[in-house]
N, C-alpha and C. Protein backbone atom coordinates (compact mmCIF):
# COMPACT_ATOMS: atom_id res chain seq x y z
N MET A 1 102.83 102.82 117.22
CA MET A 1 101.62 103.60 117.87
C MET A 1 100.46 103.51 117.15
N VAL A 2 99.61 103.40 118.01
CA VAL A 2 98.04 103.14 117.50
C VAL A 2 97.09 103.93 117.97
N GLU A 3 96.18 104.36 117.30
CA GLU A 3 94.87 104.95 117.89
C GLU A 3 93.80 104.13 117.39
N THR A 4 92.63 104.11 118.51
CA THR A 4 91.53 103.60 117.86
C THR A 4 90.60 104.79 117.84
N THR A 5 89.57 104.88 116.69
CA THR A 5 88.75 105.98 116.72
C THR A 5 87.62 105.95 117.15
N PRO A 6 86.49 106.87 117.76
CA PRO A 6 85.05 106.60 117.94
C PRO A 6 84.55 105.90 117.19
N ARG A 7 84.68 105.72 116.06
CA ARG A 7 83.81 104.72 114.97
C ARG A 7 84.30 103.46 114.98
N ASP A 8 85.43 102.72 115.42
CA ASP A 8 85.92 101.58 115.61
C ASP A 8 87.02 101.60 114.56
N GLY A 9 87.64 102.58 113.87
CA GLY A 9 88.72 102.62 113.06
C GLY A 9 90.07 102.87 113.79
N ILE A 10 91.15 102.83 113.09
CA ILE A 10 92.34 102.70 113.69
C ILE A 10 93.22 103.63 113.06
N HIS A 11 94.12 104.20 113.81
CA HIS A 11 95.09 105.17 113.06
C HIS A 11 96.52 104.51 113.55
N VAL A 12 97.48 104.29 112.52
CA VAL A 12 98.80 103.93 112.94
C VAL A 12 99.73 104.82 112.48
N PHE A 13 100.66 105.10 113.46
CA PHE A 13 101.83 106.26 113.16
C PHE A 13 103.09 105.58 113.48
N TYR A 14 103.70 105.98 112.33
CA TYR A 14 105.28 105.77 112.39
C TYR A 14 106.06 107.09 111.92
N ARG A 15 107.14 107.01 112.36
CA ARG A 15 108.10 107.94 112.15
C ARG A 15 108.74 107.65 110.77
N VAL A 16 108.81 108.77 109.92
CA VAL A 16 109.29 108.55 108.53
C VAL A 16 111.04 108.79 108.28
N PRO A 17 111.62 107.69 108.07
CA PRO A 17 113.09 108.14 107.85
C PRO A 17 113.48 109.41 107.23
N ASP A 18 114.56 109.85 107.99
CA ASP A 18 115.15 111.38 107.69
C ASP A 18 115.28 111.48 106.17
N ASP A 19 115.92 110.39 105.70
CA ASP A 19 116.11 110.52 104.09
C ASP A 19 115.18 109.93 102.64
N LEU A 20 113.75 109.83 103.50
CA LEU A 20 112.90 109.74 102.80
C LEU A 20 112.06 110.84 102.26
N ASP A 21 111.78 110.76 100.81
CA ASP A 21 111.20 112.05 100.39
C ASP A 21 109.77 111.70 100.23
N VAL A 22 108.76 112.42 101.24
CA VAL A 22 107.40 112.03 101.27
C VAL A 22 106.85 112.55 100.34
N SER A 23 107.20 113.28 99.62
CA SER A 23 106.14 114.00 98.31
C SER A 23 106.42 113.00 97.07
N SER A 24 107.11 112.09 97.27
CA SER A 24 107.03 111.24 96.14
C SER A 24 106.45 109.81 96.51
N LEU A 25 105.78 109.87 97.77
CA LEU A 25 104.85 108.55 98.23
C LEU A 25 103.58 108.97 97.68
N LYS A 26 102.58 107.99 97.38
CA LYS A 26 101.33 107.98 96.92
C LYS A 26 100.61 108.30 98.47
N ARG A 27 99.23 108.97 98.32
CA ARG A 27 98.55 108.91 99.39
C ARG A 27 97.56 107.98 99.72
N ASN A 28 96.96 108.11 98.78
CA ASN A 28 95.85 106.89 98.54
C ASN A 28 96.26 105.50 98.15
N ILE A 29 96.52 104.74 99.15
CA ILE A 29 97.18 103.33 98.87
C ILE A 29 96.15 102.49 98.61
N GLY A 30 94.75 102.59 98.81
CA GLY A 30 93.87 101.52 98.58
C GLY A 30 92.55 101.96 99.43
N ALA A 31 91.56 101.26 99.34
CA ALA A 31 90.23 101.78 100.12
C ALA A 31 90.62 101.55 101.32
N GLY A 32 90.37 102.53 102.18
CA GLY A 32 90.70 102.38 103.85
C GLY A 32 91.87 102.50 104.14
N LEU A 33 92.95 102.80 103.24
CA LEU A 33 94.32 103.11 103.81
C LEU A 33 94.80 104.00 103.03
N GLU A 34 95.36 104.90 103.69
CA GLU A 34 95.56 106.31 103.30
C GLU A 34 97.11 106.74 104.08
N LEU A 35 97.99 107.53 103.40
CA LEU A 35 99.30 107.57 103.96
C LEU A 35 98.94 109.31 104.06
N VAL A 36 99.07 109.87 105.47
CA VAL A 36 98.98 111.23 105.38
C VAL A 36 100.34 111.53 106.14
N THR A 37 101.05 112.55 105.54
CA THR A 37 102.46 112.73 106.06
C THR A 37 102.50 114.31 106.46
N ASP A 38 101.63 114.89 106.44
CA ASP A 38 101.59 116.42 106.76
C ASP A 38 100.32 117.03 106.96
N LYS A 39 100.32 118.20 107.48
CA LYS A 39 99.13 118.91 108.15
C LYS A 39 98.28 117.85 109.25
N ILE A 40 98.86 117.14 110.01
CA ILE A 40 98.23 116.31 110.99
C ILE A 40 98.12 117.05 112.59
N THR A 41 96.85 117.12 112.96
CA THR A 41 96.79 117.65 114.10
C THR A 41 96.85 116.41 115.21
N VAL A 42 97.62 116.41 116.13
CA VAL A 42 97.73 115.43 116.72
C VAL A 42 97.20 116.14 118.19
N ALA A 43 95.87 115.61 118.65
CA ALA A 43 95.23 116.28 119.98
C ALA A 43 94.30 115.21 120.41
N PRO A 44 94.19 115.18 121.71
CA PRO A 44 92.89 114.44 122.19
C PRO A 44 91.77 115.30 121.65
N SER A 45 90.72 114.07 121.11
CA SER A 45 89.65 114.49 120.47
C SER A 45 88.56 113.50 121.28
N VAL A 46 87.11 114.26 121.03
CA VAL A 46 86.13 113.28 121.63
C VAL A 46 84.94 113.46 120.63
N LYS A 47 84.42 112.62 120.01
CA LYS A 47 82.80 112.37 119.18
C LYS A 47 82.12 111.71 120.09
N GLY A 48 80.87 112.47 120.25
CA GLY A 48 79.92 111.90 120.76
C GLY A 48 80.01 111.41 122.07
N GLY A 49 81.01 111.76 122.99
CA GLY A 49 81.36 111.03 124.45
C GLY A 49 82.35 110.20 124.27
N VAL A 50 82.72 109.76 123.00
CA VAL A 50 83.79 108.54 122.62
C VAL A 50 85.05 109.13 122.41
N ALA A 51 85.99 108.90 123.13
CA ALA A 51 87.30 109.48 122.69
C ALA A 51 88.42 108.58 122.00
N TYR A 52 89.22 109.26 121.12
CA TYR A 52 90.14 108.49 120.70
C TYR A 52 91.17 107.79 121.47
N LYS A 53 91.53 106.55 121.38
CA LYS A 53 92.37 105.83 122.63
C LYS A 53 93.74 105.43 122.00
N HIS A 54 94.58 105.98 122.79
CA HIS A 54 96.01 105.92 122.28
C HIS A 54 96.63 104.56 123.07
N PHE A 55 97.49 103.73 122.06
CA PHE A 55 98.19 102.68 122.51
C PHE A 55 99.70 102.59 122.22
N GLY A 56 100.56 102.06 122.74
CA GLY A 56 102.18 102.17 122.56
C GLY A 56 102.60 103.35 122.93
N LYS A 57 103.63 103.67 122.20
CA LYS A 57 104.57 104.52 122.59
C LYS A 57 104.06 106.03 122.36
N SER A 58 104.89 107.00 122.77
CA SER A 58 104.24 108.61 122.25
C SER A 58 104.62 108.76 120.90
N PHE A 59 104.15 109.62 120.45
CA PHE A 59 104.31 110.17 118.87
C PHE A 59 105.51 110.26 118.31
N ASN A 60 106.53 110.84 119.49
CA ASN A 60 107.66 111.08 119.00
C ASN A 60 108.79 110.05 119.10
N GLU A 61 107.96 108.90 119.87
CA GLU A 61 108.90 107.82 119.94
C GLU A 61 108.46 106.58 119.02
N ALA A 62 107.70 106.95 117.89
CA ALA A 62 107.08 105.85 117.18
C ALA A 62 108.25 105.32 116.18
N ASN A 63 107.74 103.99 116.15
CA ASN A 63 108.83 103.34 115.00
C ASN A 63 109.09 103.60 113.80
N LEU A 64 110.15 103.55 113.41
CA LEU A 64 110.30 104.03 111.85
C LEU A 64 109.38 103.25 110.86
N MET A 65 109.03 103.84 109.85
CA MET A 65 107.95 103.44 108.91
C MET A 65 108.53 102.24 108.31
N PRO A 66 108.11 100.86 108.10
CA PRO A 66 108.69 100.02 107.65
C PRO A 66 108.94 99.97 106.36
N ASP A 67 110.02 99.11 105.73
CA ASP A 67 110.21 98.99 104.14
C ASP A 67 108.96 98.56 103.58
N TRP A 68 108.04 97.64 103.94
CA TRP A 68 106.67 97.17 103.10
C TRP A 68 105.90 98.19 102.85
N LEU A 69 105.94 99.09 103.74
CA LEU A 69 104.72 99.98 103.70
C LEU A 69 105.55 101.55 102.80
N MET A 70 106.76 101.58 102.74
CA MET A 70 107.21 102.34 101.66
C MET A 70 107.21 102.01 100.67
N ASP A 71 107.59 100.69 100.37
CA ASP A 71 107.35 99.92 99.11
C ASP A 71 106.03 99.98 98.52
N LEU A 72 105.31 99.92 99.43
CA LEU A 72 103.53 99.79 99.03
C LEU A 72 103.14 101.40 98.65
N ALA A 73 103.73 102.30 99.61
CA ALA A 73 103.04 103.62 99.24
C ALA A 73 103.78 104.25 97.83
N SER A 74 105.14 103.76 97.54
CA SER A 74 105.77 103.66 96.25
C SER A 74 105.23 103.32 94.98
N ASN A 75 104.42 102.16 95.09
CA ASN A 75 104.11 101.28 94.13
C ASN A 75 102.64 101.46 93.86
N VAL A 76 101.86 102.55 93.66
CA VAL A 76 100.39 102.58 93.81
C VAL A 76 100.27 103.53 92.51
N ALA A 77 99.43 103.15 91.60
CA ALA A 77 99.31 104.05 90.43
C ALA A 77 98.19 104.91 90.84
N THR A 78 98.53 106.29 90.29
CA THR A 78 97.60 107.35 90.70
C THR A 78 97.24 107.67 89.39
N SER A 79 95.89 108.70 89.28
CA SER A 79 95.46 109.05 88.02
C SER A 79 96.59 109.85 87.17
N GLY A 80 96.79 109.51 85.87
CA GLY A 80 97.93 110.07 85.15
C GLY A 80 99.08 109.21 85.35
N ASN A 81 99.25 108.18 86.37
CA ASN A 81 100.04 107.55 86.48
C ASN A 81 99.66 105.85 86.26
N THR A 82 99.96 105.46 85.24
CA THR A 82 99.37 103.97 85.12
C THR A 82 100.60 103.12 85.49
N GLN A 83 99.71 101.77 85.92
CA GLN A 83 100.96 100.81 86.30
C GLN A 83 101.41 99.88 84.82
N ASN A 84 102.45 99.82 84.71
CA ASN A 84 102.78 98.94 83.63
C ASN A 84 103.25 97.48 83.86
N LYS A 85 102.60 97.27 85.19
CA LYS A 85 102.92 95.83 85.80
C LYS A 85 101.76 94.84 85.78
N ARG A 86 101.88 93.82 86.02
CA ARG A 86 100.98 92.87 85.89
C ARG A 86 99.84 93.33 87.20
N VAL A 87 98.37 93.28 86.55
CA VAL A 87 97.46 93.92 87.69
C VAL A 87 97.16 92.48 88.63
N PRO A 88 97.38 92.78 89.95
CA PRO A 88 96.84 91.59 90.85
C PRO A 88 95.35 91.33 90.91
N LYS A 89 95.17 89.87 91.13
CA LYS A 89 93.87 89.57 91.03
C LYS A 89 92.80 90.11 91.90
N TYR A 90 93.74 90.55 93.57
CA TYR A 90 92.76 90.94 94.52
C TYR A 90 93.69 92.50 94.75
N SER A 91 92.52 93.25 95.08
CA SER A 91 93.23 94.73 95.34
C SER A 91 93.58 94.53 96.87
N ILE A 92 94.22 95.71 97.32
CA ILE A 92 94.55 95.67 98.65
C ILE A 92 93.45 95.49 99.43
N GLN A 93 92.17 96.23 99.36
CA GLN A 93 91.06 96.27 100.10
C GLN A 93 90.83 94.69 100.19
N GLN A 94 90.65 94.14 98.93
CA GLN A 94 90.21 92.73 99.15
C GLN A 94 91.23 91.92 100.49
N ARG A 95 92.32 92.06 99.96
CA ARG A 95 93.24 91.54 100.87
C ARG A 95 93.37 91.64 102.10
N TRP A 96 93.01 93.10 102.65
CA TRP A 96 92.74 93.25 104.09
C TRP A 96 91.49 92.65 104.44
N GLN A 97 90.47 92.51 103.55
CA GLN A 97 89.29 91.86 103.93
C GLN A 97 89.57 90.14 104.33
N MET A 98 90.49 89.87 103.73
CA MET A 98 90.86 88.15 103.86
C MET A 98 91.46 88.01 105.11
N ILE A 99 92.21 89.51 105.61
CA ILE A 99 92.75 89.25 106.80
C ILE A 99 91.74 89.42 108.29
N LEU A 100 90.92 90.33 107.61
CA LEU A 100 89.75 90.12 108.53
C LEU A 100 88.84 89.16 108.69
N ASP A 101 88.45 88.64 107.59
CA ASP A 101 87.20 87.82 107.59
C ASP A 101 87.74 86.03 107.04
N GLY A 102 89.14 85.94 107.06
CA GLY A 102 89.52 84.46 106.41
C GLY A 102 89.16 84.31 105.03
N PHE A 103 89.80 83.30 104.49
CA PHE A 103 89.70 83.15 103.14
C PHE A 103 88.10 82.72 102.57
N THR A 104 87.74 82.93 101.57
CA THR A 104 86.32 82.54 101.27
C THR A 104 86.47 81.12 100.37
N GLU A 105 85.28 80.53 100.85
CA GLU A 105 85.22 79.13 100.34
C GLU A 105 84.88 79.27 98.97
N GLY A 106 85.73 78.60 98.05
CA GLY A 106 85.62 78.49 96.75
C GLY A 106 86.40 79.51 96.08
N GLU A 107 87.25 80.29 96.64
CA GLU A 107 88.51 81.26 96.23
C GLU A 107 89.70 80.83 97.53
N ARG A 108 89.85 79.97 98.11
CA ARG A 108 90.50 80.21 99.30
C ARG A 108 92.18 79.71 98.71
N ASN A 109 92.20 78.73 97.75
CA ASN A 109 93.51 78.66 97.20
C ASN A 109 94.34 79.85 96.53
N ASN A 110 93.13 80.36 95.73
CA ASN A 110 93.76 81.85 95.18
C ASN A 110 93.95 82.77 96.09
N GLN A 111 93.40 82.80 97.03
CA GLN A 111 93.35 84.10 98.10
C GLN A 111 94.47 83.59 98.90
N ALA A 112 94.96 82.62 99.22
CA ALA A 112 96.19 82.33 99.89
C ALA A 112 97.27 82.46 99.17
N VAL A 113 97.49 81.85 97.70
CA VAL A 113 98.31 82.19 96.85
C VAL A 113 98.66 83.94 96.56
N SER A 114 97.65 84.41 96.49
CA SER A 114 97.66 86.01 96.38
C SER A 114 98.29 86.60 97.51
N LEU A 115 97.80 86.42 98.49
CA LEU A 115 98.13 87.24 100.03
C LEU A 115 99.74 86.76 100.10
N ALA A 116 99.84 85.34 100.15
CA ALA A 116 101.31 85.06 100.43
C ALA A 116 101.94 85.64 99.51
N GLY A 117 101.87 85.72 98.25
CA GLY A 117 102.62 86.43 97.12
C GLY A 117 103.02 88.00 97.46
N TYR A 118 101.69 88.33 97.75
CA TYR A 118 101.72 89.83 98.34
C TYR A 118 102.65 90.17 99.47
N LEU A 119 102.72 89.41 100.41
CA LEU A 119 103.43 89.33 101.55
C LEU A 119 105.01 89.33 101.24
N LEU A 120 105.19 88.46 100.76
CA LEU A 120 106.73 88.24 100.30
C LEU A 120 107.24 89.18 99.34
N LYS A 121 106.39 89.95 98.40
CA LYS A 121 107.00 90.70 97.37
C LYS A 121 106.95 92.05 98.37
N VAL A 122 106.37 92.47 99.16
CA VAL A 122 106.59 93.64 99.90
C VAL A 122 107.68 93.18 101.21
N ASP A 123 108.24 92.61 101.15
CA ASP A 123 109.39 91.97 101.97
C ASP A 123 109.24 91.71 103.52
N VAL A 124 107.83 91.14 103.84
CA VAL A 124 107.37 90.68 105.13
C VAL A 124 108.40 89.33 105.16
N LYS A 125 109.13 88.96 106.16
CA LYS A 125 109.65 87.92 106.19
C LYS A 125 109.06 86.66 106.04
N ALA A 126 109.58 85.78 105.49
CA ALA A 126 108.80 84.72 105.04
C ALA A 126 108.15 83.72 106.28
N ASN A 127 108.82 83.57 107.08
CA ASN A 127 108.17 82.94 108.60
C ASN A 127 107.09 83.62 108.96
N VAL A 128 107.04 85.25 108.93
CA VAL A 128 105.93 86.00 109.34
C VAL A 128 104.75 85.89 108.53
N ALA A 129 105.25 85.96 107.12
CA ALA A 129 104.32 85.97 106.09
C ALA A 129 103.33 84.14 106.22
N TYR A 130 104.22 83.34 106.55
CA TYR A 130 103.74 82.10 106.84
C TYR A 130 102.62 82.12 107.92
N GLU A 131 102.83 82.58 108.93
CA GLU A 131 102.21 82.40 110.33
C GLU A 131 100.83 83.53 109.80
N ILE A 132 101.09 84.27 109.07
CA ILE A 132 99.84 85.24 108.74
C ILE A 132 98.84 84.48 107.84
N ILE A 133 99.29 83.62 106.88
CA ILE A 133 98.61 82.68 106.08
C ILE A 133 97.88 81.73 106.86
N GLN A 134 98.73 81.26 107.76
CA GLN A 134 98.38 79.93 108.73
C GLN A 134 96.91 80.45 109.72
N LYS A 135 97.12 81.66 110.05
CA LYS A 135 96.24 82.41 111.04
C LYS A 135 94.84 82.53 110.34
N ILE A 136 95.24 83.26 109.25
CA ILE A 136 93.89 83.49 108.26
C ILE A 136 93.03 82.43 108.13
N ASN A 137 94.00 81.09 107.51
CA ASN A 137 93.34 80.08 107.00
C ASN A 137 92.71 79.25 108.14
N ASN A 138 93.11 79.40 109.47
CA ASN A 138 92.67 78.60 110.61
C ASN A 138 91.26 79.74 110.99
N GLU A 139 91.64 80.62 110.59
CA GLU A 139 90.15 81.51 111.05
C GLU A 139 89.12 81.53 109.87
N SER A 140 89.30 81.01 109.03
CA SER A 140 88.24 81.02 107.87
C SER A 140 87.21 79.95 108.13
N SER A 141 86.09 80.29 107.50
CA SER A 141 84.81 79.55 107.97
C SER A 141 85.17 77.93 107.65
N VAL A 142 85.91 77.67 106.42
CA VAL A 142 86.02 76.23 105.93
C VAL A 142 87.86 76.26 105.65
N PRO A 143 88.67 75.97 106.74
CA PRO A 143 90.03 76.05 106.28
C PRO A 143 90.43 75.15 105.31
N LEU A 144 91.42 75.17 104.79
CA LEU A 144 92.21 74.45 103.90
C LEU A 144 92.96 73.60 105.04
N PRO A 145 93.39 72.36 104.28
CA PRO A 145 94.12 71.28 105.29
C PRO A 145 95.50 72.11 105.40
N GLU A 146 96.17 72.12 106.52
CA GLU A 146 97.36 72.15 106.70
C GLU A 146 98.51 71.89 105.72
N SER A 147 98.82 70.68 105.21
CA SER A 147 99.43 70.37 104.14
C SER A 147 99.04 71.35 102.91
N GLU A 148 97.90 71.39 102.56
CA GLU A 148 97.63 72.37 101.35
C GLU A 148 98.23 73.76 101.56
N ILE A 149 97.90 74.29 102.65
CA ILE A 149 98.65 75.60 103.00
C ILE A 149 100.41 75.57 102.97
N ASN A 150 100.87 74.69 103.33
CA ASN A 150 102.25 74.29 103.36
C ASN A 150 102.64 74.66 101.72
N THR A 151 101.75 73.37 100.84
CA THR A 151 102.41 73.52 99.47
C THR A 151 102.27 74.90 98.73
N ILE A 152 100.92 75.51 99.18
CA ILE A 152 100.82 76.73 98.49
C ILE A 152 102.12 77.93 99.08
N PHE A 153 102.30 77.93 100.04
CA PHE A 153 103.21 78.77 100.66
C PHE A 153 104.72 78.40 100.20
N ARG A 154 105.05 77.27 100.29
CA ARG A 154 106.27 76.82 99.61
C ARG A 154 106.45 77.29 98.12
N SER A 155 105.27 76.73 97.06
CA SER A 155 105.36 77.36 95.89
C SER A 155 105.36 78.54 95.64
N VAL A 156 104.72 79.28 96.20
CA VAL A 156 104.85 80.79 96.26
C VAL A 156 106.33 81.60 96.63
N TYR A 157 106.48 80.96 97.71
CA TYR A 157 108.15 81.24 98.11
C TYR A 157 109.09 81.15 97.44
N ASN A 158 108.89 79.69 96.57
CA ASN A 158 110.06 79.38 95.64
C ASN A 158 109.87 80.14 94.17
N ALA A 159 108.75 80.74 93.70
CA ALA A 159 108.52 81.49 92.76
C ALA A 159 108.91 82.89 93.01
N GLU A 160 108.57 83.47 93.97
CA GLU A 160 109.41 84.78 94.71
C GLU A 160 110.79 84.84 94.52
N LYS A 161 111.18 83.37 95.07
CA LYS A 161 112.75 83.45 95.10
C LYS A 161 113.37 83.76 93.60
N ARG A 162 112.56 83.11 92.79
CA ARG A 162 113.12 82.87 91.36
C ARG A 162 113.13 84.54 90.64
N ARG A 163 111.57 85.13 90.97
CA ARG A 163 111.57 86.21 90.54
C ARG A 163 112.77 87.06 90.99
N ARG A 164 113.13 87.35 92.15
CA ARG A 164 114.26 88.13 92.73
C ARG A 164 115.51 87.89 92.05
N LEU A 165 115.80 86.52 91.60
CA LEU A 165 116.88 86.17 91.24
C LEU A 165 116.78 86.63 89.45
N GLY A 166 115.84 87.16 89.17
CA GLY A 166 115.74 87.66 87.73
C GLY A 166 114.99 86.53 86.73
N GLY A 167 114.46 85.23 87.54
CA GLY A 167 113.92 84.28 86.71
C GLY A 167 112.30 84.37 85.98
N GLY A 168 111.55 85.24 86.76
CA GLY A 168 110.47 85.77 86.55
C GLY A 168 109.67 84.51 87.52
N LEU A 169 108.18 84.75 87.36
CA LEU A 169 107.15 84.03 88.05
C LEU A 169 106.87 82.86 86.99
């Protein structure tokens, strides 16, 4: 279920699995990305003559919160809760910016590697992750050759496979 806001923002709604303890999830996942699980007023509203627009199912028929979002919300450092894992080269905000704007010339390879690794790590299916990387690359101002995207993705996929088997990156 999706809503567009009067200022061209979006709200995406999911149902929370019954067995999920939402109190353990982080609220501020990244710049522009917030998880709200309580105190939500769902009502038609209008600002300056422009209304929120609803797309998809009704609120009580929304899809279950996907595993990748639960993982993301469970793995965000908050104040007093420092991450002891490797700090990624790109923030979640920067990755979303890549999705919106395409890869940046001079950073295309690094960005493709980072985003592909991130998508695979949060359990986006490999074929879907690959399609996302291809689409972003194709919409970049200066796309990488398809053969290079194939090589990058294959390398990242194999590294993620090794990591999951306990071999590290």
